[in-house]
Amino acid sequence: FVGTPEHIRERIEVYEAAGLDLLLLQMSPQAEEMDRFAAQVIEPMRARAKEPA
């Protein structure tokens, strides 16, 4: 995925809606980029999933 964190979240949600339940990522430098991905993409998605519908 390439783009802003918001754009990446939107793309992941499209795949998730289509039934994707596993996402493999490769980043470099791995530790720093995975930390950034977790903070900017995953955590906001988790927070939104916890919101009442």
PDB file of N, CA and C in Angstrom:
ATOM      1  N   PHE A   1       0.833  -1.172   0.000  1.00  0.00           N
ATOM      2  CA  PHE A   1       0.000   0.000   0.000  1.00  0.00           C
ATOM      3  C   PHE A   1       0.880   1.238   0.000  1.00  0.00           C
ATOM      4  N   VAL A   2       0.452   2.242  -0.745  1.00  0.00           N
ATOM      5  CA  VAL A   2       1.147   3.519  -0.784  1.00  0.00           C
ATOM      6  C   VAL A   2       0.091   4.597  -0.632  1.00  0.00           C
ATOM      7  N   GLY A   3       0.361   5.564   0.224  1.00  0.00           N
ATOM      8  CA  GLY A   3      -0.574   6.665   0.395  1.00  0.00           C
ATOM      9  C   GLY A   3      -0.585   7.150   1.825  1.00  0.00           C
ATOM     10  N   THR A   4      -1.535   8.029   2.110  1.00  0.00           N
ATOM     11  CA  THR A   4      -1.677   8.542   3.466  1.00  0.00           C
ATOM     12  C   THR A   4      -2.227   7.442   4.365  1.00  0.00           C
ATOM     13  N   PRO A   5      -2.034   7.568   5.667  1.00  0.00           N
ATOM     14  CA  PRO A   5      -2.617   6.572   6.569  1.00  0.00           C
ATOM     15  C   PRO A   5      -4.127   6.412   6.355  1.00  0.00           C
ATOM     16  N   GLU A   6      -4.830   7.514   6.139  1.00  0.00           N
ATOM     17  CA  GLU A   6      -6.276   7.434   5.900  1.00  0.00           C
ATOM     18  C   GLU A   6      -6.586   6.632   4.635  1.00  0.00           C
ATOM     19  N   HIS A   7      -5.849   6.893   3.568  1.00  0.00           N
ATOM     20  CA  HIS A   7      -6.067   6.172   2.310  1.00  0.00           C
ATOM     21  C   HIS A   7      -5.778   4.678   2.488  1.00  0.00           C
ATOM     22  N   ILE A   8      -4.722   4.364   3.202  1.00  0.00           N
ATOM     23  CA  ILE A   8      -4.373   2.960   3.442  1.00  0.00           C
ATOM     24  C   ILE A   8      -5.456   2.276   4.265  1.00  0.00           C
ATOM     25  N   ARG A   9      -5.964   2.958   5.308  1.00  0.00           N
ATOM     26  CA  ARG A   9      -7.059   2.386   6.103  1.00  0.00           C
ATOM     27  C   ARG A   9      -8.272   2.103   5.221  1.00  0.00           C
ATOM     28  N   GLU A  10      -8.607   3.038   4.348  1.00  0.00           N
ATOM     29  CA  GLU A  10      -9.756   2.850   3.453  1.00  0.00           C
ATOM     30  C   GLU A  10      -9.552   1.643   2.547  1.00  0.00           C
ATOM     31  N   ARG A  11      -8.361   1.489   2.009  1.00  0.00           N
ATOM     32  CA  ARG A  11      -8.094   0.349   1.121  1.00  0.00           C
ATOM     33  C   ARG A  11      -8.164  -0.966   1.873  1.00  0.00           C
ATOM     34  N   ILE A  12      -7.625  -0.994   3.086  1.00  0.00           N
ATOM     35  CA  ILE A  12      -7.696  -2.215   3.892  1.00  0.00           C
ATOM     36  C   ILE A  12      -9.149  -2.563   4.187  1.00  0.00           C
ATOM     37  N   GLU A  13      -9.964  -1.566   4.495  1.00  0.00           N
ATOM     38  CA  GLU A  13     -11.380  -1.806   4.784  1.00  0.00           C
ATOM     39  C   GLU A  13     -12.109  -2.396   3.576  1.00  0.00           C
ATOM     40  N   VAL A  14     -11.744  -1.985   2.375  1.00  0.00           N
ATOM     41  CA  VAL A  14     -12.347  -2.552   1.163  1.00  0.00           C
ATOM     42  C   VAL A  14     -12.004  -4.035   1.067  1.00  0.00           C
ATOM     43  N   TYR A  15     -10.744  -4.366   1.282  1.00  0.00           N
ATOM     44  CA  TYR A  15     -10.337  -5.776   1.247  1.00  0.00           C
ATOM     45  C   TYR A  15     -11.017  -6.573   2.358  1.00  0.00           C
ATOM     46  N   GLU A  16     -11.118  -5.981   3.539  1.00  0.00           N
ATOM     47  CA  GLU A  16     -11.769  -6.654   4.663  1.00  0.00           C
ATOM     48  C   GLU A  16     -13.240  -6.932   4.342  1.00  0.00           C
ATOM     49  N   ALA A  17     -13.917  -5.973   3.749  1.00  0.00           N
ATOM     50  CA  ALA A  17     -15.323  -6.154   3.382  1.00  0.00           C
ATOM     51  C   ALA A  17     -15.493  -7.262   2.348  1.00  0.00           C
ATOM     52  N   ALA A  18     -14.455  -7.486   1.545  1.00  0.00           N
ATOM     53  CA  ALA A  18     -14.501  -8.542   0.531  1.00  0.00           C
ATOM     54  C   ALA A  18     -14.140  -9.908   1.110  1.00  0.00           C
ATOM     55  N   GLY A  19     -13.784  -9.949   2.402  1.00  0.00           N
ATOM     56  CA  GLY A  19     -13.502 -11.227   3.041  1.00  0.00           C
ATOM     57  C   GLY A  19     -12.053 -11.474   3.414  1.00  0.00           C
ATOM     58  N   LEU A  20     -11.164 -10.537   3.126  1.00  0.00           N
ATOM     59  CA  LEU A  20      -9.756 -10.701   3.495  1.00  0.00           C
ATOM     60  C   LEU A  20      -9.623 -10.757   5.011  1.00  0.00           C
ATOM     61  N   ASP A  21      -8.903 -11.758   5.513  1.00  0.00           N
ATOM     62  CA  ASP A  21      -8.696 -11.830   6.956  1.00  0.00           C
ATOM     63  C   ASP A  21      -7.221 -11.972   7.328  1.00  0.00           C
ATOM     64  N   LEU A  22      -6.331 -11.803   6.353  1.00  0.00           N
ATOM     65  CA  LEU A  22      -4.899 -11.863   6.612  1.00  0.00           C
ATOM     66  C   LEU A  22      -4.201 -10.894   5.676  1.00  0.00           C
ATOM     67  N   LEU A  23      -3.322 -10.083   6.237  1.00  0.00           N
ATOM     68  CA  LEU A  23      -2.583  -9.105   5.457  1.00  0.00           C
ATOM     69  C   LEU A  23      -1.111  -9.253   5.806  1.00  0.00           C
ATOM     70  N   LEU A  24      -0.279  -9.567   4.830  1.00  0.00           N
ATOM     71  CA  LEU A  24       1.166  -9.690   5.037  1.00  0.00           C
ATOM     72  C   LEU A  24       1.838  -8.430   4.516  1.00  0.00           C
ATOM     73  N   LEU A  25       2.705  -7.858   5.325  1.00  0.00           N
ATOM     74  CA  LEU A  25       3.359  -6.603   4.972  1.00  0.00           C
ATOM     75  C   LEU A  25       4.867  -6.759   4.990  1.00  0.00           C
ATOM     76  N   GLN A  26       5.522  -6.018   4.101  1.00  0.00           N
ATOM     77  CA  GLN A  26       6.977  -5.954   4.103  1.00  0.00           C
ATOM     78  C   GLN A  26       7.347  -4.482   4.065  1.00  0.00           C
ATOM     79  N   MET A  27       8.169  -4.063   5.022  1.00  0.00           N
ATOM     80  CA  MET A  27       8.549  -2.660   5.127  1.00  0.00           C
ATOM     81  C   MET A  27      10.033  -2.564   5.430  1.00  0.00           C
ATOM     82  N   SER A  28      10.600  -1.409   5.105  1.00  0.00           N
ATOM     83  CA  SER A  28      12.009  -1.207   5.402  1.00  0.00           C
ATOM     84  C   SER A  28      12.233   0.267   5.729  1.00  0.00           C
ATOM     85  N   PRO A  29      12.906   0.560   6.815  1.00  0.00           N
ATOM     86  CA  PRO A  29      13.383  -0.335   7.861  1.00  0.00           C
ATOM     87  C   PRO A  29      12.201  -0.901   8.646  1.00  0.00           C
ATOM     88  N   GLN A  30      12.224  -2.189   8.844  1.00  0.00           N
ATOM     89  CA  GLN A  30      11.048  -2.911   9.328  1.00  0.00           C
ATOM     90  C   GLN A  30      10.527  -2.428  10.674  1.00  0.00           C
ATOM     91  N   ALA A  31      11.355  -2.374  11.680  1.00  0.00           N
ATOM     92  CA  ALA A  31      10.875  -2.034  13.030  1.00  0.00           C
ATOM     93  C   ALA A  31      10.233  -0.652  13.062  1.00  0.00           C
ATOM     94  N   GLU A  32      10.900   0.333  12.492  1.00  0.00           N
ATOM     95  CA  GLU A  32      10.379   1.693  12.520  1.00  0.00           C
ATOM     96  C   GLU A  32       9.090   1.820  11.720  1.00  0.00           C
ATOM     97  N   GLU A  33       9.056   1.218  10.544  1.00  0.00           N
ATOM     98  CA  GLU A  33       7.870   1.326   9.698  1.00  0.00           C
ATOM     99  C   GLU A  33       6.691   0.548  10.275  1.00  0.00           C
ATOM    100  N   MET A  34       6.949  -0.595  10.901  1.00  0.00           N
ATOM    101  CA  MET A  34       5.860  -1.347  11.530  1.00  0.00           C
ATOM    102  C   MET A  34       5.286  -0.570  12.711  1.00  0.00           C
ATOM    103  N   ASP A  35       6.146   0.093  13.474  1.00  0.00           N
ATOM    104  CA  ASP A  35       5.657   0.932  14.571  1.00  0.00           C
ATOM    105  C   ASP A  35       4.774   2.055  14.033  1.00  0.00           C
ATOM    106  N   ARG A  36       5.212   2.692  12.960  1.00  0.00           N
ATOM    107  CA  ARG A  36       4.431   3.783  12.368  1.00  0.00           C
ATOM    108  C   ARG A  36       3.117   3.257  11.804  1.00  0.00           C
ATOM    109  N   PHE A  37       3.146   2.116  11.134  1.00  0.00           N
ATOM    110  CA  PHE A  37       1.930   1.509  10.581  1.00  0.00           C
ATOM    111  C   PHE A  37       0.947   1.184  11.701  1.00  0.00           C
ATOM    112  N   ALA A  38       1.454   0.619  12.789  1.00  0.00           N
ATOM    113  CA  ALA A  38       0.590   0.281  13.923  1.00  0.00           C
ATOM    114  C   ALA A  38      -0.066   1.530  14.497  1.00  0.00           C
ATOM    115  N   ALA A  39       0.712   2.588  14.677  1.00  0.00           N
ATOM    116  CA  ALA A  39       0.196   3.812  15.288  1.00  0.00           C
ATOM    117  C   ALA A  39      -0.755   4.574  14.372  1.00  0.00           C
ATOM    118  N   GLN A  40      -0.423   4.651  13.084  1.00  0.00           N
ATOM    119  CA  GLN A  40      -1.183   5.510  12.183  1.00  0.00           C
ATOM    120  C   GLN A  40      -2.285   4.795  11.413  1.00  0.00           C
ATOM    121  N   VAL A  41      -2.209   3.475  11.318  1.00  0.00           N
ATOM    122  CA  VAL A  41      -3.205   2.733  10.541  1.00  0.00           C
ATOM    123  C   VAL A  41      -4.010   1.794  11.438  1.00  0.00           C
ATOM    124  N   ILE A  42      -3.337   0.904  12.141  1.00  0.00           N
ATOM    125  CA  ILE A  42      -4.039  -0.128  12.914  1.00  0.00           C
ATOM    126  C   ILE A  42      -4.785   0.448  14.112  1.00  0.00           C
ATOM    127  N   GLU A  43      -4.129   1.267  14.917  1.00  0.00           N
ATOM    128  CA  GLU A  43      -4.785   1.788  16.121  1.00  0.00           C
ATOM    129  C   GLU A  43      -6.045   2.590  15.797  1.00  0.00           C
ATOM    130  N   PRO A  44      -6.030   3.489  14.803  1.00  0.00           N
ATOM    131  CA  PRO A  44      -7.278   4.183  14.467  1.00  0.00           C
ATOM    132  C   PRO A  44      -8.373   3.227  13.980  1.00  0.00           C
ATOM    133  N   MET A  45      -7.994   2.167  13.275  1.00  0.00           N
ATOM    134  CA  MET A  45      -8.989   1.190  12.825  1.00  0.00           C
ATOM    135  C   MET A  45      -9.583   0.455  14.020  1.00  0.00           C
ATOM    136  N   ARG A  46      -8.760   0.088  14.975  1.00  0.00           N
ATOM    137  CA  ARG A  46      -9.253  -0.586  16.183  1.00  0.00           C
ATOM    138  C   ARG A  46     -10.178   0.330  16.972  1.00  0.00           C
ATOM    139  N   ALA A  47      -9.791   1.588  17.117  1.00  0.00           N
ATOM    140  CA  ALA A  47     -10.611   2.539  17.872  1.00  0.00           C
ATOM    141  C   ALA A  47     -11.971   2.721  17.205  1.00  0.00           C
ATOM    142  N   ARG A  48     -11.976   2.813  15.890  1.00  0.00           N
ATOM    143  CA  ARG A  48     -13.238   2.989  15.164  1.00  0.00           C
ATOM    144  C   ARG A  48     -14.101   1.742  15.268  1.00  0.00           C
ATOM    145  N   ALA A  49     -13.490   0.573  15.294  1.00  0.00           N
ATOM    146  CA  ALA A  49     -14.251  -0.679  15.403  1.00  0.00           C
ATOM    147  C   ALA A  49     -14.923  -0.799  16.765  1.00  0.00           C
ATOM    148  N   LYS A  50     -14.359  -0.162  17.785  1.00  0.00           N
ATOM    149  CA  LYS A  50     -14.926  -0.220  19.130  1.00  0.00           C
ATOM    150  C   LYS A  50     -16.073   0.765  19.332  1.00  0.00           C
ATOM    151  N   GLU A  51     -16.217   1.743  18.418  1.00  0.00           N
ATOM    152  CA  GLU A  51     -17.278   2.738  18.553  1.00  0.00           C
ATOM    153  C   GLU A  51     -18.639   2.083  18.369  1.00  0.00           C
ATOM    154  N   PRO A  52     -19.633   2.523  19.148  1.00  0.00           N
ATOM    155  CA  PRO A  52     -20.985   1.979  18.963  1.00  0.00           C
ATOM    156  C   PRO A  52     -21.514   2.323  17.575  1.00  0.00           C
ATOM    157  N   ALA A  53     -22.263   1.413  17.005  1.00  0.00           N
ATOM    158  CA  ALA A  53     -22.793   1.625  15.646  1.00  0.00           C
ATOM    159  C   ALA A  53     -23.941   2.603  15.646  1.00  0.00           C
TER     160      ALA A  53
END
